[in-house]
């Protein structure tokens, strides 16, 4: 079975038809996706700014990360779920869209940046939790994260201007 056949099967699914045939559904899903991305970026930005050395009100980096991480993951799960629904509605067009593929690559890069931070610099957080400025590795992870998530938002918005609409 070819990729195009799979994509066409996704687009021909009942869920995809329901999304395309109900005029209010796609904008609702898209709005939820935007809200979820906003929450993801907002919570990540707060942590990243702390990693860059902007003090959080009476919180060390570790406490701030622990408090915001559940919100970040919840919002990320909602963003992935709504993103999958958006993809379902127009699978071949999204899969063939360069900006969509680039967005996925940048999200992957942001995930790798986070993983590297957590297995390296975050493991030694007790030594620098309340120190200002944080170590260079933390600042590099913070600025990299900010740049990658801004790129995700920019590229995601770009998709809307380059997508071939099939419905």
Protein backbone atom coordinates (compact mmCIF):
# COMPACT_ATOMS: atom_id res chain seq x y z
CA UNK A 1 0.00 0.00 0.00
CA UNK A 2 1.51 3.33 -1.05
CA UNK A 3 1.68 6.47 1.07
CA UNK A 4 -0.74 8.25 -1.27
CA UNK A 5 -3.24 5.40 -0.86
CA UNK A 6 -2.98 5.66 2.91
CA UNK A 7 -3.39 9.44 2.80
CA UNK A 8 -6.41 9.13 0.53
CA UNK A 9 -7.91 6.52 2.89
CA UNK A 10 -7.48 8.93 5.79
CA UNK A 11 -9.16 11.68 3.80
CA UNK A 12 -12.02 9.35 2.82
CA UNK A 13 -12.65 8.26 6.43
CA UNK A 14 -15.89 9.02 8.18
CA UNK A 15 -14.16 11.39 10.59
CA UNK A 16 -12.61 13.35 7.75
CA UNK A 17 -15.94 13.57 5.94
CA UNK A 18 -17.67 14.73 9.13
CA UNK A 19 -15.07 17.49 9.63
CA UNK A 20 -15.32 18.64 6.00
CA UNK A 21 -19.12 18.45 5.77
CA UNK A 22 -19.83 20.47 8.92
CA UNK A 23 -18.83 24.08 8.25
CA UNK A 24 -18.32 25.00 11.91
CA UNK A 25 -16.19 21.99 12.89
CA UNK A 26 -12.91 22.81 11.12
CA UNK A 27 -12.75 26.39 12.53
CA UNK A 28 -13.55 25.08 16.02
CA UNK A 29 -10.78 22.48 15.81
CA UNK A 30 -8.40 25.06 14.36
CA UNK A 31 -9.21 27.51 17.17
CA UNK A 32 -8.59 24.83 19.80
CA UNK A 33 -5.29 24.06 18.06
CA UNK A 34 -4.25 27.72 18.22
CA UNK A 35 -5.21 27.98 21.91
CA UNK A 36 -3.26 24.79 22.67
CA UNK A 37 -0.16 26.04 20.81
CA UNK A 38 -0.46 29.35 22.68
CA UNK A 39 -0.49 27.50 26.00
CA UNK A 40 2.44 25.31 24.95
CA UNK A 41 4.48 28.30 23.87
CA UNK A 42 3.46 30.43 26.86
CA UNK A 43 4.47 27.88 29.47
CA UNK A 44 7.67 27.01 27.63
CA UNK A 45 8.51 30.69 27.24
CA UNK A 46 8.22 31.26 30.99
CA UNK A 47 10.69 28.44 31.67
CA UNK A 48 12.99 29.49 28.83
CA UNK A 49 13.12 33.07 30.08
CA UNK A 50 14.09 31.72 33.51
CA UNK A 51 16.81 29.63 31.85
CA UNK A 52 18.05 32.78 30.15
CA UNK A 53 18.42 34.46 33.52
CA UNK A 54 15.20 36.40 33.94
CA UNK A 55 14.26 35.82 37.55
CA UNK A 56 10.95 34.23 38.35
CA UNK A 57 9.09 35.71 41.28
CA UNK A 58 10.46 33.77 44.29
CA UNK A 59 10.88 30.52 42.37
CA UNK A 60 13.94 28.55 41.48
CA UNK A 61 14.18 27.04 38.02
CA UNK A 62 13.39 23.53 39.26
CA UNK A 63 10.16 24.58 41.01
CA UNK A 64 9.09 26.63 38.01
CA UNK A 65 9.69 23.70 35.65
CA UNK A 66 7.83 21.30 37.96
CA UNK A 67 4.84 23.64 38.24
CA UNK A 68 4.51 24.39 34.53
CA UNK A 69 5.38 21.02 32.99
CA UNK A 70 1.92 19.45 33.54
CA UNK A 71 0.27 22.42 31.80
CA UNK A 72 2.79 22.25 28.96
CA UNK A 73 2.19 18.53 28.40
CA UNK A 74 -1.60 18.89 28.65
CA UNK A 75 -1.59 21.68 26.09
CA UNK A 76 0.83 19.74 23.87
CA UNK A 77 -1.44 16.70 23.90
CA UNK A 78 -4.40 18.92 22.93
CA UNK A 79 -2.30 20.51 20.15
CA UNK A 80 -1.33 17.07 18.80
CA UNK A 81 -4.93 15.81 18.97
CA UNK A 82 -6.36 18.84 17.21
CA UNK A 83 -3.48 18.84 14.73
CA UNK A 84 -4.26 15.22 13.86
CA UNK A 85 -7.91 16.13 13.29
CA UNK A 86 -6.90 19.02 11.03
CA UNK A 87 -4.56 16.69 9.15
CA UNK A 88 -7.32 14.10 8.75
CA UNK A 89 -9.56 16.61 7.00
CA UNK A 90 -7.04 17.18 4.22
CA UNK A 91 -4.34 14.51 4.56
CA UNK A 92 -2.88 14.48 1.02
CA UNK A 93 -2.58 18.27 0.90
CA UNK A 94 -0.89 18.48 4.31
CA UNK A 95 1.45 15.58 3.61
CA UNK A 96 2.57 17.20 0.36
CA UNK A 97 2.98 20.67 1.91
CA UNK A 98 6.63 21.62 2.48
CA UNK A 99 5.79 23.97 5.35
CA UNK A 100 3.79 21.26 7.14
CA UNK A 101 6.69 18.84 6.90
CA UNK A 102 9.09 21.57 8.05
CA UNK A 103 6.87 22.29 11.05
CA UNK A 104 7.06 18.64 12.08
CA UNK A 105 10.85 18.68 11.75
CA UNK A 106 11.11 21.82 13.90
CA UNK A 107 8.81 20.29 16.56
CA UNK A 108 11.08 17.24 16.56
CA UNK A 109 14.12 19.52 16.98
CA UNK A 110 12.41 21.27 19.91
CA UNK A 111 11.74 17.87 21.48
CA UNK A 112 15.38 16.85 21.03
CA UNK A 113 16.50 20.15 22.58
CA UNK A 114 14.24 19.49 25.59
CA UNK A 115 15.46 15.90 25.94
CA UNK A 116 19.11 16.96 25.81
CA UNK A 117 18.45 19.64 28.44
CA UNK A 118 16.71 17.16 30.74
CA UNK A 119 19.40 14.46 30.50
CA UNK A 120 22.29 16.92 30.90
CA UNK A 121 21.85 20.35 32.44
CA UNK A 122 18.63 19.63 34.34
CA UNK A 123 20.28 16.71 36.15
CA UNK A 124 22.64 19.20 37.81
CA UNK A 125 19.91 21.74 38.57
CA UNK A 126 20.48 21.56 42.34
CA UNK A 127 23.85 23.25 41.78
CA UNK A 128 22.44 26.20 39.81
CA UNK A 129 18.71 26.32 40.66
CA UNK A 130 18.76 29.80 42.19
CA UNK A 131 22.01 31.06 40.66
CA UNK A 132 21.85 34.05 38.35
CA UNK A 133 22.74 33.86 35.60
CA UNK A 134 22.17 30.16 35.02
CA UNK A 135 24.97 28.14 33.43
CA UNK A 136 25.70 28.59 29.75
CA UNK A 137 24.20 25.20 28.86
CA UNK A 138 20.87 26.22 30.42
CA UNK A 139 20.90 29.54 28.58
CA UNK A 140 21.71 27.83 25.27
CA UNK A 141 18.85 25.37 25.82
CA UNK A 142 16.51 28.26 26.65
CA UNK A 143 17.34 30.41 23.64
CA UNK A 144 17.28 27.37 21.33
CA UNK A 145 13.87 26.39 22.66
CA UNK A 146 12.48 29.89 22.22
CA UNK A 147 13.76 30.13 18.65
CA UNK A 148 12.43 26.69 17.73
CA UNK A 149 8.95 27.33 19.17
CA UNK A 150 8.72 30.74 17.47
CA UNK A 151 9.66 28.93 14.25
CA UNK A 152 6.91 26.33 14.86
CA UNK A 153 4.34 29.13 15.21
CA UNK A 154 5.63 31.02 12.18
CA UNK A 155 5.78 27.94 9.97
CA UNK A 156 2.38 26.75 11.24
CA UNK A 157 0.86 30.06 10.20
CA UNK A 158 2.66 29.82 6.86
CA UNK A 159 0.92 26.50 6.17
CA UNK A 160 -2.41 28.28 5.85
CA UNK A 161 -1.06 30.38 2.99
CA UNK A 162 0.54 27.52 1.07
CA UNK A 163 -1.89 24.62 1.52
CA UNK A 164 -3.79 23.34 -1.48
CA UNK A 165 -7.35 23.13 -0.23
CA UNK A 166 -9.07 19.97 -1.39
CA UNK A 167 -12.51 20.56 0.11
